[in-house]
Amino acid sequence: MKNGANNSTAERIKELRKNIDLTDIPEIKDFSGGHLRNWKPAKKPIAFRIDLDNLQWLQSEGIKGYQKKMNGVLRWARQNGCPLPLM
Protein backbone atom coordinates (compact mmCIF):
# COMPACT_ATOMS: atom_id res chain seq x y z
CA MET A 1 0.00 0.00 0.00
CA LYS A 2 1.24 3.45 -0.80
CA ASN A 3 -0.48 5.24 2.10
CA GLY A 4 1.88 3.73 4.68
CA ALA A 5 -0.69 1.54 6.39
CA ASN A 6 1.62 -1.47 6.30
CA ASN A 7 4.60 0.47 7.67
CA SER A 8 3.42 0.00 11.29
CA THR A 9 6.08 -2.12 12.88
CA ALA A 10 6.06 -3.09 16.53
CA GLU A 11 8.80 -0.55 17.24
CA ARG A 12 6.89 2.23 15.48
CA ILE A 13 3.69 1.45 17.39
CA LYS A 14 5.63 1.42 20.67
CA GLU A 15 7.13 4.81 19.81
CA LEU A 16 3.75 6.29 18.94
CA ARG A 17 2.14 5.02 22.15
CA LYS A 18 4.98 6.51 24.19
CA ASN A 19 4.07 9.96 22.88
CA ILE A 20 0.37 9.80 23.87
CA ASP A 21 -0.47 12.07 26.81
CA LEU A 22 -3.12 10.48 29.06
CA THR A 23 -2.72 12.84 32.04
CA ASP A 24 -6.02 14.65 31.37
CA ILE A 25 -8.05 11.41 31.38
CA PRO A 26 -9.26 10.31 34.84
CA GLU A 27 -8.54 6.72 35.81
CA ILE A 28 -11.66 4.57 36.13
CA LYS A 29 -11.49 2.48 39.27
CA ASP A 30 -15.16 1.51 39.68
CA PHE A 31 -16.70 -0.32 36.73
CA SER A 32 -19.90 -1.34 38.53
CA GLY A 33 -22.05 1.45 37.08
CA GLY A 34 -20.60 1.37 33.61
CA HIS A 35 -22.07 -0.16 30.51
CA LEU A 36 -19.98 -1.23 27.58
CA ARG A 37 -22.02 -0.68 24.43
CA ASN A 38 -20.78 -3.59 22.38
CA TRP A 39 -19.90 -5.99 25.16
CA LYS A 40 -21.81 -9.26 25.20
CA PRO A 41 -21.21 -12.02 27.72
CA ALA A 42 -19.93 -15.33 26.45
CA LYS A 43 -22.67 -17.82 25.74
CA LYS A 44 -22.65 -21.60 25.74
CA PRO A 45 -25.37 -23.79 24.25
CA ILE A 46 -26.77 -26.25 26.78
CA ALA A 47 -29.73 -28.60 26.99
CA PHE A 48 -31.94 -29.07 30.04
CA ARG A 49 -35.45 -30.16 30.91
CA ILE A 50 -38.09 -27.60 31.82
CA ASP A 51 -41.69 -28.03 32.97
CA LEU A 52 -44.19 -27.32 30.23
CA ASP A 53 -46.01 -24.63 32.21
CA ASN A 54 -42.73 -22.71 32.65
CA LEU A 55 -41.91 -23.07 28.97
CA GLN A 56 -45.37 -21.83 28.00
CA TRP A 57 -44.91 -18.80 30.26
CA LEU A 58 -41.53 -18.03 28.70
CA GLN A 59 -43.03 -18.35 25.22
CA SER A 60 -46.21 -16.40 26.09
CA GLU A 61 -45.04 -13.29 24.23
CA GLY A 62 -43.92 -15.31 21.23
CA ILE A 63 -41.75 -18.32 20.62
CA LYS A 64 -38.88 -16.18 19.40
CA GLY A 65 -36.89 -14.66 22.26
CA TYR A 66 -37.92 -17.01 25.07
CA GLN A 67 -34.31 -18.03 25.67
CA LYS A 68 -33.33 -14.39 26.13
CA LYS A 69 -36.22 -14.02 28.58
CA MET A 70 -35.06 -17.08 30.53
CA ASN A 71 -31.54 -15.72 30.65
CA GLY A 72 -32.91 -12.44 32.06
CA VAL A 73 -34.89 -14.30 34.72
CA LEU A 74 -31.80 -16.27 35.77
CA ARG A 75 -29.65 -13.14 35.82
CA TRP A 76 -32.22 -11.31 37.98
CA ALA A 77 -32.42 -14.26 40.39
CA ARG A 78 -28.64 -14.45 40.71
CA GLN A 79 -28.19 -10.71 41.23
CA ASN A 80 -30.97 -10.54 43.82
CA GLY A 81 -29.69 -13.42 45.92
CA CYS A 82 -32.56 -15.83 45.30
CA PRO A 83 -31.82 -19.00 47.23
CA LEU A 84 -31.79 -22.31 45.42
CA PRO A 85 -33.60 -25.10 47.28
CA LEU A 86 -31.61 -28.27 47.71
CA MET A 87 -33.26 -31.17 45.95
PDB file of N, CA and C in Angstrom:
ATOM      1  N   MET A   1       0.836  -1.190   0.000  1.00  0.00           N
ATOM      2  CA  MET A   1       0.000   0.000   0.000  1.00  0.00           C
ATOM      3  C   MET A   1       0.875   1.245   0.000  1.00  0.00           C
ATOM      4  N   LYS A   2       0.443   2.246  -0.700  1.00  0.00           N
ATOM      5  CA  LYS A   2       1.239   3.454  -0.803  1.00  0.00           C
ATOM      6  C   LYS A   2       0.941   4.475   0.288  1.00  0.00           C
ATOM      7  N   ASN A   3      -0.146   4.268   1.064  1.00  0.00           N
ATOM      8  CA  ASN A   3      -0.482   5.244   2.095  1.00  0.00           C
ATOM      9  C   ASN A   3       0.249   5.007   3.408  1.00  0.00           C
ATOM     10  N   GLY A   4       1.073   3.978   3.484  1.00  0.00           N
ATOM     11  CA  GLY A   4       1.875   3.727   4.675  1.00  0.00           C
ATOM     12  C   GLY A   4       1.174   2.895   5.729  1.00  0.00           C
ATOM     13  N   ALA A   5       0.044   2.318   5.412  1.00  0.00           N
ATOM     14  CA  ALA A   5      -0.694   1.540   6.391  1.00  0.00           C
ATOM     15  C   ALA A   5       0.072   0.293   6.820  1.00  0.00           C
ATOM     16  N   ASN A   6       0.871  -0.260   5.961  1.00  0.00           N
ATOM     17  CA  ASN A   6       1.618  -1.466   6.300  1.00  0.00           C
ATOM     18  C   ASN A   6       2.982  -1.158   6.904  1.00  0.00           C
ATOM     19  N   ASN A   7       3.310   0.098   7.111  1.00  0.00           N
ATOM     20  CA  ASN A   7       4.598   0.474   7.672  1.00  0.00           C
ATOM     21  C   ASN A   7       4.593   0.483   9.196  1.00  0.00           C
ATOM     22  N   SER A   8       3.519   0.005   9.840  1.00  0.00           N
ATOM     23  CA  SER A   8       3.415   0.002  11.295  1.00  0.00           C
ATOM     24  C   SER A   8       4.120  -1.222  11.852  1.00  0.00           C
ATOM     25  N   THR A   9       5.339  -1.039  12.241  1.00  0.00           N
ATOM     26  CA  THR A   9       6.077  -2.118  12.880  1.00  0.00           C
ATOM     27  C   THR A   9       5.845  -2.035  14.380  1.00  0.00           C
ATOM     28  N   ALA A  10       6.227  -3.066  15.082  1.00  0.00           N
ATOM     29  CA  ALA A  10       6.055  -3.089  16.533  1.00  0.00           C
ATOM     30  C   ALA A  10       6.818  -1.944  17.188  1.00  0.00           C
ATOM     31  N   GLU A  11       8.007  -1.654  16.673  1.00  0.00           N
ATOM     32  CA  GLU A  11       8.802  -0.553  17.243  1.00  0.00           C
ATOM     33  C   GLU A  11       8.119   0.799  17.004  1.00  0.00           C
ATOM     34  N   ARG A  12       7.558   0.969  15.820  1.00  0.00           N
ATOM     35  CA  ARG A  12       6.885   2.229  15.483  1.00  0.00           C
ATOM     36  C   ARG A  12       5.639   2.424  16.338  1.00  0.00           C
ATOM     37  N   ILE A  13       4.881   1.356  16.548  1.00  0.00           N
ATOM     38  CA  ILE A  13       3.687   1.445  17.393  1.00  0.00           C
ATOM     39  C   ILE A  13       4.077   1.768  18.822  1.00  0.00           C
ATOM     40  N   LYS A  14       5.140   1.144  19.314  1.00  0.00           N
ATOM     41  CA  LYS A  14       5.625   1.419  20.669  1.00  0.00           C
ATOM     42  C   LYS A  14       6.044   2.882  20.803  1.00  0.00           C
ATOM     43  N   GLU A  15       6.706   3.407  19.807  1.00  0.00           N
ATOM     44  CA  GLU A  15       7.135   4.810  19.805  1.00  0.00           C
ATOM     45  C   GLU A  15       5.928   5.752  19.799  1.00  0.00           C
ATOM     46  N   LEU A  16       4.933   5.447  18.997  1.00  0.00           N
ATOM     47  CA  LEU A  16       3.746   6.294  18.937  1.00  0.00           C
ATOM     48  C   LEU A  16       2.980   6.276  20.255  1.00  0.00           C
ATOM     49  N   ARG A  17       2.864   5.115  20.873  1.00  0.00           N
ATOM     50  CA  ARG A  17       2.144   5.017  22.151  1.00  0.00           C
ATOM     51  C   ARG A  17       2.868   5.760  23.268  1.00  0.00           C
ATOM     52  N   LYS A  18       4.198   5.823  23.178  1.00  0.00           N
ATOM     53  CA  LYS A  18       4.980   6.512  24.193  1.00  0.00           C
ATOM     54  C   LYS A  18       4.681   8.020  24.182  1.00  0.00           C
ATOM     55  N   ASN A  19       4.307   8.536  23.025  1.00  0.00           N
ATOM     56  CA  ASN A  19       4.065   9.962  22.882  1.00  0.00           C
ATOM     57  C   ASN A  19       2.627  10.384  23.181  1.00  0.00           C
ATOM     58  N   ILE A  20       1.763   9.457  23.561  1.00  0.00           N
ATOM     59  CA  ILE A  20       0.375   9.796  23.874  1.00  0.00           C
ATOM     60  C   ILE A  20       0.296  10.303  25.301  1.00  0.00           C
ATOM     61  N   ASP A  21      -0.320  11.478  25.486  1.00  0.00           N
ATOM     62  CA  ASP A  21      -0.472  12.074  26.806  1.00  0.00           C
ATOM     63  C   ASP A  21      -1.839  11.708  27.372  1.00  0.00           C
ATOM     64  N   LEU A  22      -1.874  10.916  28.437  1.00  0.00           N
ATOM     65  CA  LEU A  22      -3.118  10.485  29.058  1.00  0.00           C
ATOM     66  C   LEU A  22      -3.358  11.161  30.410  1.00  0.00           C
ATOM     67  N   THR A  23      -2.615  12.215  30.716  1.00  0.00           N
ATOM     68  CA  THR A  23      -2.724  12.839  32.036  1.00  0.00           C
ATOM     69  C   THR A  23      -4.052  13.536  32.253  1.00  0.00           C
ATOM     70  N   ASP A  24      -4.748  13.940  31.194  1.00  0.00           N
ATOM     71  CA  ASP A  24      -6.017  14.650  31.371  1.00  0.00           C
ATOM     72  C   ASP A  24      -7.218  13.707  31.410  1.00  0.00           C
ATOM     73  N   ILE A  25      -6.978  12.397  31.346  1.00  0.00           N
ATOM     74  CA  ILE A  25      -8.053  11.415  31.385  1.00  0.00           C
ATOM     75  C   ILE A  25      -8.076  10.790  32.775  1.00  0.00           C
ATOM     76  N   PRO A  26      -9.214  10.893  33.496  1.00  0.00           N
ATOM     77  CA  PRO A  26      -9.256  10.308  34.838  1.00  0.00           C
ATOM     78  C   PRO A  26      -9.244   8.787  34.769  1.00  0.00           C
ATOM     79  N   GLU A  27      -8.595   8.170  35.754  1.00  0.00           N
ATOM     80  CA  GLU A  27      -8.539   6.721  35.807  1.00  0.00           C
ATOM     81  C   GLU A  27      -9.856   6.178  36.340  1.00  0.00           C
ATOM     82  N   ILE A  28     -10.416   5.185  35.682  1.00  0.00           N
ATOM     83  CA  ILE A  28     -11.657   4.570  36.125  1.00  0.00           C
ATOM     84  C   ILE A  28     -11.308   3.419  37.058  1.00  0.00           C
ATOM     85  N   LYS A  29     -11.782   3.515  38.294  1.00  0.00           N
ATOM     86  CA  LYS A  29     -11.489   2.479  39.273  1.00  0.00           C
ATOM     87  C   LYS A  29     -12.724   1.664  39.625  1.00  0.00           C
ATOM     88  N   ASP A  30     -13.912   2.206  39.360  1.00  0.00           N
ATOM     89  CA  ASP A  30     -15.160   1.505  39.677  1.00  0.00           C
ATOM     90  C   ASP A  30     -15.930   1.276  38.392  1.00  0.00           C
ATOM     91  N   PHE A  31     -16.010   0.028  37.970  1.00  0.00           N
ATOM     92  CA  PHE A  31     -16.696  -0.315  36.727  1.00  0.00           C
ATOM     93  C   PHE A  31     -18.113  -0.826  36.974  1.00  0.00           C
ATOM     94  N   SER A  32     -18.600  -0.755  38.221  1.00  0.00           N
ATOM     95  CA  SER A  32     -19.900  -1.345  38.527  1.00  0.00           C
ATOM     96  C   SER A  32     -21.054  -0.605  37.865  1.00  0.00           C
ATOM     97  N   GLY A  33     -20.947   0.698  37.671  1.00  0.00           N
ATOM     98  CA  GLY A  33     -22.048   1.446  37.083  1.00  0.00           C
ATOM     99  C   GLY A  33     -21.919   1.616  35.588  1.00  0.00           C
ATOM    100  N   GLY A  34     -20.840   1.151  35.025  1.00  0.00           N
ATOM    101  CA  GLY A  34     -20.600   1.366  33.607  1.00  0.00           C
ATOM    102  C   GLY A  34     -21.316   0.367  32.729  1.00  0.00           C
ATOM    103  N   HIS A  35     -21.457   0.731  31.490  1.00  0.00           N
ATOM    104  CA  HIS A  35     -22.073  -0.165  30.508  1.00  0.00           C
ATOM    105  C   HIS A  35     -21.241  -0.074  29.238  1.00  0.00           C
ATOM    106  N   LEU A  36     -20.735  -1.194  28.811  1.00  0.00           N
ATOM    107  CA  LEU A  36     -19.979  -1.232  27.576  1.00  0.00           C
ATOM    108  C   LEU A  36     -20.949  -1.500  26.442  1.00  0.00           C
ATOM    109  N   ARG A  37     -21.005  -0.611  25.477  1.00  0.00           N
ATOM    110  CA  ARG A  37     -22.015  -0.680  24.427  1.00  0.00           C
ATOM    111  C   ARG A  37     -22.000  -1.975  23.635  1.00  0.00           C
ATOM    112  N   ASN A  38     -20.861  -2.421  23.254  1.00  0.00           N
ATOM    113  CA  ASN A  38     -20.785  -3.585  22.376  1.00  0.00           C
ATOM    114  C   ASN A  38     -20.378  -4.860  23.101  1.00  0.00           C
ATOM    115  N   TRP A  39     -20.319  -4.827  24.414  1.00  0.00           N
ATOM    116  CA  TRP A  39     -19.900  -5.993  25.160  1.00  0.00           C
ATOM    117  C   TRP A  39     -21.061  -6.961  25.298  1.00  0.00           C
ATOM    118  N   LYS A  40     -20.811  -8.220  25.017  1.00  0.00           N
ATOM    119  CA  LYS A  40     -21.807  -9.264  25.204  1.00  0.00           C
ATOM    120  C   LYS A  40     -21.138 -10.395  25.962  1.00  0.00           C
ATOM    121  N   PRO A  41     -21.827 -10.921  26.973  1.00  0.00           N
ATOM    122  CA  PRO A  41     -21.214 -12.019  27.717  1.00  0.00           C
ATOM    123  C   PRO A  41     -21.088 -13.263  26.849  1.00  0.00           C
ATOM    124  N   ALA A  42     -20.117 -14.086  27.181  1.00  0.00           N
ATOM    125  CA  ALA A  42     -19.929 -15.328  26.446  1.00  0.00           C
ATOM    126  C   ALA A  42     -21.140 -16.231  26.665  1.00  0.00           C
ATOM    127  N   LYS A  43     -21.513 -16.936  25.653  1.00  0.00           N
ATOM    128  CA  LYS A  43     -22.667 -17.825  25.742  1.00  0.00           C
ATOM    129  C   LYS A  43     -22.242 -19.243  25.400  1.00  0.00           C
ATOM    130  N   LYS A  44     -22.937 -20.197  25.997  1.00  0.00           N
ATOM    131  CA  LYS A  44     -22.646 -21.603  25.739  1.00  0.00           C
ATOM    132  C   LYS A  44     -23.974 -22.326  25.549  1.00  0.00           C
ATOM    133  N   PRO A  45     -24.128 -23.038  24.447  1.00  0.00           N
ATOM    134  CA  PRO A  45     -25.366 -23.790  24.254  1.00  0.00           C
ATOM    135  C   PRO A  45     -25.423 -24.976  25.213  1.00  0.00           C
ATOM    136  N   ILE A  46     -26.573 -25.129  25.862  1.00  0.00           N
ATOM    137  CA  ILE A  46     -26.773 -26.249  26.778  1.00  0.00           C
ATOM    138  C   ILE A  46     -28.155 -26.835  26.515  1.00  0.00           C
ATOM    139  N   ALA A  47     -28.410 -27.983  27.068  1.00  0.00           N
ATOM    140  CA  ALA A  47     -29.734 -28.597  26.994  1.00  0.00           C
ATOM    141  C   ALA A  47     -30.156 -28.951  28.413  1.00  0.00           C
ATOM    142  N   PHE A  48     -31.408 -28.686  28.740  1.00  0.00           N
ATOM    143  CA  PHE A  48     -31.938 -29.072  30.040  1.00  0.00           C
ATOM    144  C   PHE A  48     -33.437 -29.271  29.917  1.00  0.00           C
ATOM    145  N   ARG A  49     -34.009 -29.890  30.909  1.00  0.00           N
ATOM    146  CA  ARG A  49     -35.446 -30.156  30.913  1.00  0.00           C
ATOM    147  C   ARG A  49     -36.149 -29.049  31.695  1.00  0.00           C
ATOM    148  N   ILE A  50     -37.320 -28.659  31.194  1.00  0.00           N
ATOM    149  CA  ILE A  50     -38.090 -27.601  31.822  1.00  0.00           C
ATOM    150  C   ILE A  50     -39.559 -28.029  31.833  1.00  0.00           C
ATOM    151  N   ASP A  51     -40.260 -27.708  32.904  1.00  0.00           N
ATOM    152  CA  ASP A  51     -41.687 -28.028  32.974  1.00  0.00           C
ATOM    153  C   ASP A  51     -42.429 -27.278  31.881  1.00  0.00           C
ATOM    154  N   LEU A  52     -43.449 -27.919  31.344  1.00  0.00           N
ATOM    155  CA  LEU A  52     -44.189 -27.322  30.231  1.00  0.00           C
ATOM    156  C   LEU A  52     -44.854 -26.002  30.607  1.00  0.00           C
ATOM    157  N   ASP A  53     -45.359 -25.883  31.831  1.00  0.00           N
ATOM    158  CA  ASP A  53     -46.007 -24.626  32.210  1.00  0.00           C
ATOM    159  C   ASP A  53     -44.995 -23.468  32.238  1.00  0.00           C
ATOM    160  N   ASN A  54     -43.768 -23.761  32.657  1.00  0.00           N
ATOM    161  CA  ASN A  54     -42.735 -22.714  32.648  1.00  0.00           C
ATOM    162  C   ASN A  54     -42.338 -22.348  31.220  1.00  0.00           C
ATOM    163  N   LEU A  55     -42.238 -23.337  30.364  1.00  0.00           N
ATOM    164  CA  LEU A  55     -41.905 -23.071  28.970  1.00  0.00           C
ATOM    165  C   LEU A  55     -43.005 -22.250  28.295  1.00  0.00           C
ATOM    166  N   GLN A  56     -44.255 -22.590  28.573  1.00  0.00           N
ATOM    167  CA  GLN A  56     -45.366 -21.826  28.001  1.00  0.00           C
ATOM    168  C   GLN A  56     -45.342 -20.382  28.487  1.00  0.00           C
ATOM    169  N   TRP A  57     -44.997 -20.166  29.753  1.00  0.00           N
ATOM    170  CA  TRP A  57     -44.907 -18.795  30.265  1.00  0.00           C
ATOM    171  C   TRP A  57     -43.793 -18.031  29.563  1.00  0.00           C
ATOM    172  N   LEU A  58     -42.647 -18.686  29.378  1.00  0.00           N
ATOM    173  CA  LEU A  58     -41.533 -18.027  28.698  1.00  0.00           C
ATOM    174  C   LEU A  58     -41.888 -17.690  27.254  1.00  0.00           C
ATOM    175  N   GLN A  59     -42.674 -18.558  26.614  1.00  0.00           N
ATOM    176  CA  GLN A  59     -43.035 -18.353  25.223  1.00  0.00           C
ATOM    177  C   GLN A  59     -44.343 -17.573  25.059  1.00  0.00           C
ATOM    178  N   SER A  60     -44.899 -17.057  26.143  1.00  0.00           N
ATOM    179  CA  SER A  60     -46.207 -16.404  26.092  1.00  0.00           C
ATOM    180  C   SER A  60     -46.215 -15.155  25.214  1.00  0.00           C
ATOM    181  N   GLU A  61     -45.107 -14.497  25.066  1.00  0.00           N
ATOM    182  CA  GLU A  61     -45.039 -13.294  24.226  1.00  0.00           C
ATOM    183  C   GLU A  61     -44.508 -13.618  22.837  1.00  0.00           C
ATOM    184  N   GLY A  62     -44.423 -14.888  22.528  1.00  0.00           N
ATOM    185  CA  GLY A  62     -43.919 -15.314  21.231  1.00  0.00           C
ATOM    186  C   GLY A  62     -42.807 -16.323  21.415  1.00  0.00           C
ATOM    187  N   ILE A  63     -42.754 -17.264  20.510  1.00  0.00           N
ATOM    188  CA  ILE A  63     -41.749 -18.322  20.624  1.00  0.00           C
ATOM    189  C   ILE A  63     -40.346 -17.751  20.461  1.00  0.00           C
ATOM    190  N   LYS A  64     -40.201 -16.771  19.595  1.00  0.00           N
ATOM    191  CA  LYS A  64     -38.882 -16.176  19.395  1.00  0.00           C
ATOM    192  C   LYS A  64     -38.543 -15.292  20.598  1.00  0.00           C
ATOM    193  N   GLY A  65     -37.368 -15.493  21.158  1.00  0.00           N
ATOM    194  CA  GLY A  65     -36.893 -14.665  22.262  1.00  0.00           C
ATOM    195  C   GLY A  65     -37.116 -15.261  23.637  1.00  0.00           C
ATOM    196  N   TYR A  66     -37.673 -16.455  23.734  1.00  0.00           N
ATOM    197  CA  TYR A  66     -37.920 -17.008  25.065  1.00  0.00           C
ATOM    198  C   TYR A  66     -36.623 -17.366  25.773  1.00  0.00           C
ATOM    199  N   GLN A  67     -35.576 -17.712  25.023  1.00  0.00           N
ATOM    200  CA  GLN A  67     -34.307 -18.034  25.666  1.00  0.00           C
ATOM    201  C   GLN A  67     -33.681 -16.779  26.273  1.00  0.00           C
ATOM    202  N   LYS A  68     -33.827 -15.657  25.590  1.00  0.00           N
ATOM    203  CA  LYS A  68     -33.328 -14.392  26.133  1.00  0.00           C
ATOM    204  C   LYS A  68     -34.093 -14.035  27.407  1.00  0.00           C
ATOM    205  N   LYS A  69     -35.401 -14.291  27.396  1.00  0.00           N
ATOM    206  CA  LYS A  69     -36.224 -14.020  28.575  1.00  0.00           C
ATOM    207  C   LYS A  69     -35.791 -14.902  29.745  1.00  0.00           C
ATOM    208  N   MET A  70     -35.522 -16.180  29.472  1.00  0.00           N
ATOM    209  CA  MET A  70     -35.065 -17.077  30.526  1.00  0.00           C
ATOM    210  C   MET A  70     -33.720 -16.634  31.076  1.00  0.00           C
ATOM    211  N   ASN A  71     -32.837 -16.202  30.202  1.00  0.00           N
ATOM    212  CA  ASN A  71     -31.536 -15.716  30.647  1.00  0.00           C
ATOM    213  C   ASN A  71     -31.710 -14.500  31.551  1.00  0.00           C
ATOM    214  N   GLY A  72     -32.639 -13.613  31.216  1.00  0.00           N
ATOM    215  CA  GLY A  72     -32.906 -12.445  32.055  1.00  0.00           C
ATOM    216  C   GLY A  72     -33.461 -12.825  33.419  1.00  0.00           C
ATOM    217  N   VAL A  73     -34.335 -13.820  33.453  1.00  0.00           N
ATOM    218  CA  VAL A  73     -34.889 -14.302  34.725  1.00  0.00           C
ATOM    219  C   VAL A  73     -33.784 -14.869  35.599  1.00  0.00           C
ATOM    220  N   LEU A  74     -32.906 -15.694  34.997  1.00  0.00           N
ATOM    221  CA  LEU A  74     -31.803 -16.274  35.766  1.00  0.00           C
ATOM    222  C   LEU A  74     -30.835 -15.209  36.261  1.00  0.00           C
ATOM    223  N   ARG A  75     -30.550 -14.215  35.413  1.00  0.00           N
ATOM    224  CA  ARG A  75     -29.649 -13.136  35.821  1.00  0.00           C
ATOM    225  C   ARG A  75     -30.241 -12.350  36.984  1.00  0.00           C
ATOM    226  N   TRP A  76     -31.554 -12.040  36.902  1.00  0.00           N
ATOM    227  CA  TRP A  76     -32.218 -11.307  37.980  1.00  0.00           C
ATOM    228  C   TRP A  76     -32.158 -12.108  39.278  1.00  0.00           C
ATOM    229  N   ALA A  77     -32.443 -13.411  39.202  1.00  0.00           N
ATOM    230  CA  ALA A  77     -32.424 -14.256  40.394  1.00  0.00           C
ATOM    231  C   ALA A  77     -31.035 -14.291  41.025  1.00  0.00           C
ATOM    232  N   ARG A  78     -30.021 -14.405  40.191  1.00  0.00           N
ATOM    233  CA  ARG A  78     -28.645 -14.446  40.712  1.00  0.00           C
ATOM    234  C   ARG A  78     -28.260 -13.131  41.360  1.00  0.00           C
ATOM    235  N   GLN A  79     -28.584 -12.020  40.720  1.00  0.00           N
ATOM    236  CA  GLN A  79     -28.186 -10.708  41.232  1.00  0.00           C
ATOM    237  C   GLN A  79     -28.984 -10.299  42.462  1.00  0.00           C
ATOM    238  N   ASN A  80     -30.150 -10.884  42.665  1.00  0.00           N
ATOM    239  CA  ASN A  80     -30.974 -10.541  43.819  1.00  0.00           C
ATOM    240  C   ASN A  80     -30.905 -11.574  44.922  1.00  0.00           C
ATOM    241  N   GLY A  81     -29.953 -12.469  44.836  1.00  0.00           N
ATOM    242  CA  GLY A  81     -29.690 -13.419  45.915  1.00  0.00           C
ATOM    243  C   GLY A  81     -30.801 -14.424  46.168  1.00  0.00           C
ATOM    244  N   CYS A  82     -31.510 -14.821  45.131  1.00  0.00           N
ATOM    245  CA  CYS A  82     -32.565 -15.829  45.303  1.00  0.00           C
ATOM    246  C   CYS A  82     -31.929 -17.153  45.715  1.00  0.00           C
ATOM    247  N   PRO A  83     -32.415 -17.724  46.800  1.00  0.00           N
ATOM    248  CA  PRO A  83     -31.822 -19.002  47.226  1.00  0.00           C
ATOM    249  C   PRO A  83     -32.296 -20.142  46.338  1.00  0.00           C
ATOM    250  N   LEU A  84     -31.443 -21.109  46.180  1.00  0.00           N
ATOM    251  CA  LEU A  84     -31.788 -22.314  45.422  1.00  0.00           C
ATOM    252  C   LEU A  84     -32.100 -23.414  46.426  1.00  0.00           C
ATOM    253  N   PRO A  85     -33.302 -24.003  46.346  1.00  0.00           N
ATOM    254  CA  PRO A  85     -33.600 -25.097  47.280  1.00  0.00           C
ATOM    255  C   PRO A  85     -32.798 -26.334  46.920  1.00  0.00           C
ATOM    256  N   LEU A  86     -32.337 -27.028  47.929  1.00  0.00           N
ATOM    257  CA  LEU A  86     -31.605 -28.270  47.708  1.00  0.00           C
ATOM    258  C   LEU A  86     -32.600 -29.373  47.404  1.00  0.00           C
ATOM    259  N   MET A  87     -32.332 -30.116  46.355  1.00  0.00           N
ATOM    260  CA  MET A  87     -33.262 -31.174  45.945  1.00  0.00           C
ATOM    261  C   MET A  87     -32.664 -32.515  46.249  1.00  0.00           C
TER     262      MET A  87
END
